[in-house]
């Protein structure tokens, strides 16, 4: 169910990239009229501040890297032009097999979604998603993913895997970058014992999802403490974090 090495080589470039909406508010408050950054600008900001972006940023950047390596890839998404929009990427290998590549939800690895492939299975699998086993169930143009948590809870996500026209995709991206949620969010994959876990900072709380369960962390009482904590797990620039967290405090007042 793992992708071939050429797709994995591109994917590995993004191992240290969180999914977050801190950058969205920060760039929204810049003077630029266009709020969806192109890849060149995202790379510049990554170099300057260590930042990445939201699911649209990550999908656009991943598409660019895959296509530069000669790999066929296209964007998919659901609930575009809404506050609940989510996008990901489908990569196609040299044999025509399809792989879900979802940096926005912080998957550890791409996963095969072609049920006609001899390597496909609908059994529960580990090593693809932090803190959960997954099942892949293709249903026509929909793809159902079941997430099995350590406490026995099962959640479901449905992707529409039809390709999105790139021009429409970029319009939806621009729309998304102009929708500001007052609650700060950053999710990233971090090493934990012998696995990759999922750390999340959401609305001034943080927690760690692992194969052992969910661990809620102690709340911090200042922007500076949160900035240092987020820097510790993400590598984001401290001054950037203090600045954008102060913007969130002002925005929510």
Protein backbone atom coordinates (compact mmCIF):
# COMPACT_ATOMS: atom_id res chain seq x y z
CA UNK A 1 0.00 0.00 0.00
CA UNK A 2 3.07 2.25 0.13
CA UNK A 3 3.91 4.50 -2.80
CA UNK A 4 6.93 3.77 -5.02
CA UNK A 5 10.25 5.38 -4.18
CA UNK A 6 10.04 8.27 -6.65
CA UNK A 7 6.78 9.50 -5.07
CA UNK A 8 8.14 8.90 -1.56
CA UNK A 9 11.29 10.88 -2.36
CA UNK A 10 9.15 13.94 -3.08
CA UNK A 11 6.87 13.33 -0.09
CA UNK A 12 9.85 13.09 2.30
CA UNK A 13 10.78 16.69 1.45
CA UNK A 14 7.68 17.73 3.42
CA UNK A 15 8.22 15.60 6.53
CA UNK A 16 8.93 18.65 8.69
CA UNK A 17 6.10 20.76 7.27
CA UNK A 18 3.23 21.44 9.69
CA UNK A 19 -0.28 22.24 8.53
CA UNK A 20 -1.36 25.48 10.13
CA UNK A 21 -3.35 28.64 9.74
CA UNK A 22 -0.92 30.93 11.54
CA UNK A 23 0.71 31.86 8.25
CA UNK A 24 -2.71 32.59 6.76
CA UNK A 25 -3.49 35.36 9.26
CA UNK A 26 0.05 36.71 9.10
CA UNK A 27 -0.01 36.97 5.30
CA UNK A 28 -3.62 38.18 5.26
CA UNK A 29 -2.42 41.20 7.23
CA UNK A 30 0.36 41.92 4.73
CA UNK A 31 -0.18 44.47 1.98
CA UNK A 32 -0.33 41.91 -0.83
CA UNK A 33 -3.67 41.98 -2.67
CA UNK A 34 -3.39 38.29 -3.62
CA UNK A 35 -3.55 36.11 -0.53
CA UNK A 36 -2.73 32.70 -1.99
CA UNK A 37 1.06 32.57 -2.16
CA UNK A 38 2.84 30.98 -5.11
CA UNK A 39 5.51 28.33 -4.57
CA UNK A 40 8.41 30.77 -4.92
CA UNK A 41 7.01 32.96 -2.15
CA UNK A 42 6.25 29.97 0.07
CA UNK A 43 9.86 28.82 -0.32
CA UNK A 44 11.10 32.30 0.56
CA UNK A 45 8.95 32.39 3.71
CA UNK A 46 10.08 28.88 4.62
CA UNK A 47 13.68 30.02 4.38
CA UNK A 48 13.03 33.19 6.38
CA UNK A 49 10.75 31.94 9.16
CA UNK A 50 10.60 28.13 8.90
CA UNK A 51 6.87 28.30 8.12
CA UNK A 52 4.68 26.21 5.79
CA UNK A 53 0.94 26.94 5.52
CA UNK A 54 -2.55 25.49 5.32
CA UNK A 55 -3.83 22.59 3.22
CA UNK A 56 -4.04 24.70 0.05
CA UNK A 57 -0.46 25.92 0.45
CA UNK A 58 0.78 22.39 1.07
CA UNK A 59 -1.15 20.90 -1.86
CA UNK A 60 0.08 23.59 -4.27
CA UNK A 61 3.68 23.11 -3.17
CA UNK A 62 3.46 19.30 -3.27
CA UNK A 63 1.90 19.37 -6.75
CA UNK A 64 4.75 21.56 -7.96
CA UNK A 65 7.43 19.24 -6.57
CA UNK A 66 5.76 16.09 -7.94
CA UNK A 67 5.32 17.58 -11.39
CA UNK A 68 8.90 18.88 -11.46
CA UNK A 69 9.99 15.25 -10.94
CA UNK A 70 7.83 14.13 -13.85
CA UNK A 71 5.16 12.52 -11.67
CA UNK A 72 1.54 12.87 -12.76
CA UNK A 73 -0.47 14.50 -9.99
CA UNK A 74 -3.65 16.49 -9.55
CA UNK A 75 -5.58 18.22 -6.75
CA UNK A 76 -8.73 16.85 -5.11
CA UNK A 77 -10.97 18.41 -2.50
CA UNK A 78 -14.29 18.72 -0.83
CA UNK A 79 -16.47 21.58 0.38
CA UNK A 80 -14.47 24.09 -1.63
CA UNK A 81 -15.33 27.77 -1.16
CA UNK A 82 -16.49 27.11 2.39
CA UNK A 83 -14.90 27.34 5.83
CA UNK A 84 -14.69 23.53 5.87
CA UNK A 85 -12.78 23.21 2.59
CA UNK A 86 -10.09 20.54 2.52
CA UNK A 87 -7.74 19.65 -0.32
CA UNK A 88 -5.18 16.96 -1.00
CA UNK A 89 -3.26 15.51 -3.94
CA UNK A 90 -3.48 12.31 -5.97
CA UNK A 91 -0.17 11.08 -7.38
CA UNK A 92 -0.05 8.49 -10.18
CA UNK A 93 2.87 6.08 -10.53
CA UNK A 94 4.39 4.80 -13.77
CA UNK A 95 2.01 1.82 -13.79
CA UNK A 96 -1.07 4.03 -13.47
CA UNK A 97 -1.74 3.33 -9.78
CA UNK A 98 -3.24 6.12 -7.67
CA UNK A 99 -2.00 7.29 -4.26
CA UNK A 100 -3.62 9.67 -1.79
CA UNK A 101 -1.14 12.32 -0.63
CA UNK A 102 -2.64 14.43 2.16
CA UNK A 103 -0.23 16.81 3.85
CA UNK A 104 -3.15 18.88 5.11
CA UNK A 105 -4.22 16.11 7.47
CA UNK A 106 -0.56 15.32 8.22
CA UNK A 107 -0.47 11.76 6.91
CA UNK A 108 2.88 10.05 7.50
CA UNK A 109 2.92 8.43 4.05
CA UNK A 110 0.94 8.43 0.81
CA UNK A 111 -1.33 5.40 0.46
CA UNK A 112 -2.53 3.26 -2.45
CA UNK A 113 -6.20 3.79 -3.28
CA UNK A 114 -6.47 1.57 -6.37
CA UNK A 115 -8.43 -1.53 -5.36
CA UNK A 116 -7.51 -3.31 -8.61
CA UNK A 117 -3.85 -3.36 -7.61
CA UNK A 118 -2.65 -6.68 -6.21
CA UNK A 119 -1.10 -4.87 -3.24
CA UNK A 120 -4.39 -3.26 -2.23
CA UNK A 121 -6.06 -4.35 1.01
CA UNK A 122 -9.02 -3.06 2.98
CA UNK A 123 -7.50 -4.31 6.25
CA UNK A 124 -6.45 -1.94 9.02
CA UNK A 125 -2.96 -0.55 8.42
CA UNK A 126 -0.43 1.22 10.61
CA UNK A 127 2.39 3.51 9.53
CA UNK A 128 0.28 5.81 7.39
CA UNK A 129 -1.48 8.12 9.83
CA UNK A 130 -0.22 9.35 13.23
CA UNK A 131 -2.07 7.98 16.23
CA UNK A 132 -4.43 5.75 14.26
CA UNK A 133 -4.68 2.71 12.00
CA UNK A 134 -6.46 3.33 8.71
CA UNK A 135 -8.66 1.41 6.30
CA UNK A 136 -8.94 2.44 2.66
CA UNK A 137 -12.30 1.75 1.01
CA UNK A 138 -12.72 3.03 -2.58
CA UNK A 139 -16.35 3.60 -3.61
CA UNK A 140 -16.44 4.76 -7.22
CA UNK A 141 -15.35 8.38 -7.34
CA UNK A 142 -15.41 8.57 -3.55
CA UNK A 143 -12.73 7.30 -1.22
CA UNK A 144 -13.68 6.36 2.33
CA UNK A 145 -10.99 6.37 5.00
CA UNK A 146 -11.71 4.82 8.40
CA UNK A 147 -9.49 5.91 11.28
CA UNK A 148 -9.19 3.43 14.15
CA UNK A 149 -8.02 5.14 17.37
CA UNK A 150 -6.38 3.34 20.31
CA UNK A 151 -9.49 3.81 22.49
CA UNK A 152 -11.62 1.91 19.98
CA UNK A 153 -13.18 5.00 18.44
CA UNK A 154 -13.62 4.87 14.66
CA UNK A 155 -14.02 8.03 12.59
CA UNK A 156 -14.62 8.39 8.87
CA UNK A 157 -13.55 10.78 6.14
CA UNK A 158 -14.78 10.73 2.55
CA UNK A 159 -12.73 12.19 -0.29
CA UNK A 160 -14.02 12.86 -3.78
CA UNK A 161 -11.12 11.77 -5.97
CA UNK A 162 -12.24 13.47 -9.18
CA UNK A 163 -9.52 15.84 -10.42
CA UNK A 164 -10.21 19.52 -9.78
CA UNK A 165 -9.56 21.91 -12.65
CA UNK A 166 -6.40 23.79 -11.66
CA UNK A 167 -7.85 27.24 -12.36
CA UNK A 168 -10.89 26.50 -10.21
CA UNK A 169 -8.61 25.03 -7.56
CA UNK A 170 -6.54 28.22 -7.41
CA UNK A 171 -9.69 30.35 -7.16
CA UNK A 172 -10.86 28.18 -4.26
CA UNK A 173 -7.42 28.57 -2.68
CA UNK A 174 -7.62 32.36 -2.91
CA UNK A 175 -11.11 32.24 -1.38
CA UNK A 176 -9.84 30.09 1.48
CA UNK A 177 -6.93 32.40 2.25
CA UNK A 178 -9.42 35.24 2.73
CA UNK A 179 -11.47 33.31 5.32
CA UNK A 180 -9.91 33.92 8.72
CA UNK A 181 -10.79 31.65 11.62
CA UNK A 182 -10.19 33.43 14.95
CA UNK A 183 -8.85 30.22 16.54
CA UNK A 184 -5.13 29.58 15.94
CA UNK A 185 -4.17 26.11 14.72
CA UNK A 186 -0.96 24.21 14.03
CA UNK A 187 -0.62 20.47 13.51
CA UNK A 188 2.62 18.61 12.99
CA UNK A 189 4.14 15.15 12.95
CA UNK A 190 6.77 14.56 15.62
CA UNK A 191 8.82 11.54 16.76
CA UNK A 192 7.45 9.82 19.86
CA UNK A 193 9.15 6.68 21.18
CA UNK A 194 9.14 4.29 18.19
CA UNK A 195 6.46 6.04 16.13
CA UNK A 196 5.43 9.28 14.48
CA UNK A 197 2.82 11.05 16.59
CA UNK A 198 0.53 14.00 15.88
CA UNK A 199 0.95 17.18 17.91
CA UNK A 200 -1.72 19.86 17.73
CA UNK A 201 -2.03 23.41 18.99
CA UNK A 202 -5.66 24.43 18.67
CA UNK A 203 -7.39 27.46 20.16
CA UNK A 204 -4.78 27.89 22.92
CA UNK A 205 -4.71 24.21 23.89
CA UNK A 206 -2.30 21.47 22.86
CA UNK A 207 -2.36 17.70 22.79
CA UNK A 208 -0.47 14.72 21.43
CA UNK A 209 -2.12 11.82 19.56
CA UNK A 210 -0.20 8.54 19.70
CA UNK A 211 -0.79 4.81 19.36
CA UNK A 212 -1.05 4.81 23.17
CA UNK A 213 -3.86 7.35 23.17
CA UNK A 214 -4.46 11.08 23.42
CA UNK A 215 -2.41 13.15 25.87
CA UNK A 216 -3.72 16.62 26.76
CA UNK A 217 -0.88 18.96 27.68
CA UNK A 218 -0.81 21.63 30.36
CA UNK A 219 -2.17 24.97 29.20
CA UNK A 220 0.30 27.85 29.01
CA UNK A 221 -0.47 31.32 30.32
CA UNK A 222 1.33 33.64 27.92
CA UNK A 223 1.92 34.23 24.22
CA UNK A 224 5.68 33.95 24.77
CA UNK A 225 5.35 30.51 26.39
CA UNK A 226 3.16 29.30 23.53
CA UNK A 227 5.63 30.68 21.01
CA UNK A 228 8.51 28.77 22.59
CA UNK A 229 6.43 25.59 22.81
CA UNK A 230 5.38 25.79 19.15
CA UNK A 231 8.96 26.59 18.14
CA UNK A 232 10.11 23.51 20.04
CA UNK A 233 7.95 21.16 17.99
CA UNK A 234 7.82 22.97 14.63
CA UNK A 235 11.01 24.99 14.33
CA UNK A 236 9.04 28.13 13.48
CA UNK A 237 10.80 31.43 14.10
CA UNK A 238 10.14 32.73 17.63
CA UNK A 239 9.59 36.35 16.59
CA UNK A 240 7.21 35.24 13.84
CA UNK A 241 5.23 33.17 16.34
CA UNK A 242 4.96 35.93 18.93
CA UNK A 243 3.87 38.38 16.24
CA UNK A 244 1.18 36.16 14.74
CA UNK A 245 -0.12 34.93 18.11
CA UNK A 246 -0.51 38.55 19.17
CA UNK A 247 -2.47 39.12 15.95
CA UNK A 248 -4.77 36.22 16.89
CA UNK A 249 -5.36 37.70 20.34
CA UNK A 250 -6.24 41.05 18.77
CA UNK A 251 -8.40 39.43 16.09
CA UNK A 252 -10.50 37.51 18.61
CA UNK A 253 -11.17 40.49 20.86
